[in-house]
Amino acid sequence: MPPAVDEVCASLASSGEGKLASLVQAYFVDMFAVLAQCSRVLRTGAPCWIVVGGARLKGVYIPSDLVLADAAAVYSLEVRGVRVARNLIDVGRKLGRLTDVAPRESILVLSKC
């Protein structure tokens, strides 16, 4: 698992939310399988658009779009863009070195390398 997912799961587990931590891990296992299958069936240069929503569980923000965009290279997918389709809430928060990050629904624009 990417460090961001491990951090989210550890935070949830330490606050007594082990089931939610398992749910988050299972979600990303499924999404990595989706990326693998996209890479398998796409021709080189072919576009792939994936809509993904971020979530906040028990006060812990999960930047699904950024995690998946970061993982795309592992599956021979190039990130052409991460476009915010809509913010799910209006208030941004700090996420590592990033500021003003709000839970959002994003479109990952990928292509096969």
C-alpha atoms as a PDB file:
ATOM      1  CA  MET A   1       0.000   0.000   0.000  1.00  0.00           C
ATOM      2  CA  PRO A   2       1.170   3.550  -0.650  1.00  0.00           C
ATOM      3  CA  PRO A   3       2.301   5.478   2.450  1.00  0.00           C
ATOM      4  CA  ALA A   4      -0.758   7.790   2.322  1.00  0.00           C
ATOM      5  CA  VAL A   5      -3.107   4.802   2.542  1.00  0.00           C
ATOM      6  CA  ASP A   6      -1.057   3.234   5.343  1.00  0.00           C
ATOM      7  CA  GLU A   7      -1.212   6.551   7.232  1.00  0.00           C
ATOM      8  CA  VAL A   8      -4.992   6.795   6.854  1.00  0.00           C
ATOM      9  CA  CYS A   9      -5.481   3.176   7.923  1.00  0.00           C
ATOM     10  CA  ALA A  10      -3.176   3.569  10.923  1.00  0.00           C
ATOM     11  CA  SER A  11      -5.038   6.694  12.002  1.00  0.00           C
ATOM     12  CA  LEU A  12      -8.403   4.952  11.730  1.00  0.00           C
ATOM     13  CA  ALA A  13      -7.167   1.814  13.492  1.00  0.00           C
ATOM     14  CA  SER A  14      -5.628   3.803  16.359  1.00  0.00           C
ATOM     15  CA  SER A  15      -8.957   5.530  16.931  1.00  0.00           C
ATOM     16  CA  GLY A  16     -10.756   2.196  17.240  1.00  0.00           C
ATOM     17  CA  GLU A  17     -12.043   2.111  13.660  1.00  0.00           C
ATOM     18  CA  GLY A  18     -10.389  -1.120  12.514  1.00  0.00           C
ATOM     19  CA  LYS A  19     -13.327  -2.036  10.268  1.00  0.00           C
ATOM     20  CA  LEU A  20     -13.097   1.282   8.438  1.00  0.00           C
ATOM     21  CA  ALA A  21      -9.325   0.821   8.053  1.00  0.00           C
ATOM     22  CA  SER A  22      -9.963  -2.575   6.452  1.00  0.00           C
ATOM     23  CA  LEU A  23     -12.596  -1.026   4.193  1.00  0.00           C
ATOM     24  CA  VAL A  24     -10.128   1.632   3.002  1.00  0.00           C
ATOM     25  CA  GLN A  25      -7.480  -0.998   2.263  1.00  0.00           C
ATOM     26  CA  ALA A  26      -9.993  -3.141   0.354  1.00  0.00           C
ATOM     27  CA  TYR A  27     -11.098  -0.104  -1.677  1.00  0.00           C
ATOM     28  CA  PHE A  28      -7.552   0.607  -2.820  1.00  0.00           C
ATOM     29  CA  VAL A  29      -6.853  -3.062  -3.568  1.00  0.00           C
ATOM     30  CA  ASP A  30      -9.927  -2.965  -5.829  1.00  0.00           C
ATOM     31  CA  MET A  31      -8.909   0.327  -7.443  1.00  0.00           C
ATOM     32  CA  PHE A  32      -5.371  -0.926  -8.113  1.00  0.00           C
ATOM     33  CA  ALA A  33      -6.963  -3.950  -9.815  1.00  0.00           C
ATOM     34  CA  VAL A  34      -8.989  -1.500 -11.948  1.00  0.00           C
ATOM     35  CA  LEU A  35      -5.788   0.327 -12.957  1.00  0.00           C
ATOM     36  CA  ALA A  36      -4.135  -3.003 -13.813  1.00  0.00           C
ATOM     37  CA  GLN A  37      -7.058  -4.007 -16.028  1.00  0.00           C
ATOM     38  CA  CYS A  38      -7.159  -0.607 -17.727  1.00  0.00           C
ATOM     39  CA  SER A  39      -3.487  -0.987 -18.539  1.00  0.00           C
ATOM     40  CA  ARG A  40      -4.058  -4.518 -19.807  1.00  0.00           C
ATOM     41  CA  VAL A  41      -6.847  -3.643 -22.256  1.00  0.00           C
ATOM     42  CA  LEU A  42      -5.795  -0.186 -23.464  1.00  0.00           C
ATOM     43  CA  ARG A  43      -3.657   0.339 -26.533  1.00  0.00           C
ATOM     44  CA  THR A  44      -0.589   2.554 -26.196  1.00  0.00           C
ATOM     45  CA  GLY A  45      -1.692   6.195 -26.133  1.00  0.00           C
ATOM     46  CA  ALA A  46      -5.343   5.301 -25.576  1.00  0.00           C
ATOM     47  CA  PRO A  47      -7.128   7.554 -23.076  1.00  0.00           C
ATOM     48  CA  CYS A  48      -8.789   6.420 -19.889  1.00  0.00           C
ATOM     49  CA  TRP A  49     -10.958   8.631 -17.669  1.00  0.00           C
ATOM     50  CA  ILE A  50     -11.802   7.511 -14.161  1.00  0.00           C
ATOM     51  CA  VAL A  51     -14.139   9.399 -11.824  1.00  0.00           C
ATOM     52  CA  VAL A  52     -13.148   9.008  -8.189  1.00  0.00           C
ATOM     53  CA  GLY A  53     -14.357  10.689  -5.029  1.00  0.00           C
ATOM     54  CA  GLY A  54     -12.343  11.566  -1.972  1.00  0.00           C
ATOM     55  CA  ALA A  55     -13.817  10.778   1.403  1.00  0.00           C
ATOM     56  CA  ARG A  56     -13.593  11.822   5.001  1.00  0.00           C
ATOM     57  CA  LEU A  57     -14.055   8.990   7.474  1.00  0.00           C
ATOM     58  CA  LYS A  58     -14.172   9.848  11.163  1.00  0.00           C
ATOM     59  CA  GLY A  59     -12.379  13.125  10.439  1.00  0.00           C
ATOM     60  CA  VAL A  60      -9.618  11.489   8.383  1.00  0.00           C
ATOM     61  CA  TYR A  61      -9.441  12.705   4.769  1.00  0.00           C
ATOM     62  CA  ILE A  62      -8.632  10.134   2.086  1.00  0.00           C
ATOM     63  CA  PRO A  63      -7.277  11.770  -1.105  1.00  0.00           C
ATOM     64  CA  SER A  64      -8.239   8.887  -3.396  1.00  0.00           C
ATOM     65  CA  ASP A  65      -7.567  10.863  -6.565  1.00  0.00           C
ATOM     66  CA  LEU A  66      -4.008  11.733  -5.552  1.00  0.00           C
ATOM     67  CA  VAL A  67      -3.241   8.196  -4.345  1.00  0.00           C
ATOM     68  CA  LEU A  68      -4.496   6.668  -7.609  1.00  0.00           C
ATOM     69  CA  ALA A  69      -2.729   9.263  -9.748  1.00  0.00           C
ATOM     70  CA  ASP A  70       0.511   8.485  -7.934  1.00  0.00           C
ATOM     71  CA  ALA A  71      -0.003   4.723  -8.405  1.00  0.00           C
ATOM     72  CA  ALA A  72      -0.819   4.979 -12.127  1.00  0.00           C
ATOM     73  CA  ALA A  73       2.840   4.775 -13.201  1.00  0.00           C
ATOM     74  CA  VAL A  74       3.143   1.331 -11.596  1.00  0.00           C
ATOM     75  CA  TYR A  75       0.551   0.159 -14.131  1.00  0.00           C
ATOM     76  CA  SER A  76       2.179   1.850 -17.169  1.00  0.00           C
ATOM     77  CA  LEU A  77      -0.410   4.613 -17.145  1.00  0.00           C
ATOM     78  CA  GLU A  78       0.535   8.251 -17.625  1.00  0.00           C
ATOM     79  CA  VAL A  79      -1.401  10.916 -15.737  1.00  0.00           C
ATOM     80  CA  ARG A  80      -2.535  13.572 -18.208  1.00  0.00           C
ATOM     81  CA  GLY A  81      -4.473  15.439 -15.559  1.00  0.00           C
ATOM     82  CA  VAL A  82      -6.456  15.364 -12.358  1.00  0.00           C
ATOM     83  CA  ARG A  83      -9.507  17.552 -12.847  1.00  0.00           C
ATOM     84  CA  VAL A  84     -11.734  18.515  -9.980  1.00  0.00           C
ATOM     85  CA  ALA A  85     -15.302  17.828 -11.050  1.00  0.00           C
ATOM     86  CA  ARG A  86     -16.782  19.268  -7.877  1.00  0.00           C
ATOM     87  CA  ASN A  87     -15.863  19.963  -4.292  1.00  0.00           C
ATOM     88  CA  LEU A  88     -17.819  17.861  -1.856  1.00  0.00           C
ATOM     89  CA  ILE A  89     -17.434  20.492   0.873  1.00  0.00           C
ATOM     90  CA  ASP A  90     -16.283  24.093   0.652  1.00  0.00           C
ATOM     91  CA  VAL A  91     -13.694  24.083   3.431  1.00  0.00           C
ATOM     92  CA  GLY A  92     -10.124  23.129   2.531  1.00  0.00           C
ATOM     93  CA  ARG A  93      -7.619  21.566   4.881  1.00  0.00           C
ATOM     94  CA  LYS A  94      -3.882  21.035   4.981  1.00  0.00           C
ATOM     95  CA  LEU A  95      -2.700  17.668   3.639  1.00  0.00           C
ATOM     96  CA  GLY A  96       1.042  17.206   4.098  1.00  0.00           C
ATOM     97  CA  ARG A  97       2.691  20.027   2.139  1.00  0.00           C
ATOM     98  CA  LEU A  98      -0.519  20.827   0.257  1.00  0.00           C
ATOM     99  CA  THR A  99      -2.897  23.485   1.515  1.00  0.00           C
ATOM    100  CA  ASP A 100      -6.565  24.127   0.859  1.00  0.00           C
ATOM    101  CA  VAL A 101      -7.359  20.489  -0.015  1.00  0.00           C
ATOM    102  CA  ALA A 102     -11.072  19.748   0.262  1.00  0.00           C
ATOM    103  CA  PRO A 103     -12.831  16.421  -0.273  1.00  0.00           C
ATOM    104  CA  ARG A 104     -13.709  16.403  -3.927  1.00  0.00           C
ATOM    105  CA  GLU A 105     -14.865  14.326  -6.823  1.00  0.00           C
ATOM    106  CA  SER A 106     -12.160  14.228  -9.492  1.00  0.00           C
ATOM    107  CA  ILE A 107     -11.612  12.910 -12.975  1.00  0.00           C
ATOM    108  CA  LEU A 108      -8.292  11.154 -13.514  1.00  0.00           C
ATOM    109  CA  VAL A 109      -7.226  11.537 -17.132  1.00  0.00           C
ATOM    110  CA  LEU A 110      -4.834   8.704 -17.925  1.00  0.00           C
ATOM    111  CA  SER A 111      -3.315   7.129 -20.998  1.00  0.00           C
ATOM    112  CA  LYS A 112      -1.375   3.940 -21.578  1.00  0.00           C
ATOM    113  CA  CYS A 113       2.388   4.487 -21.915  1.00  0.00           C
END
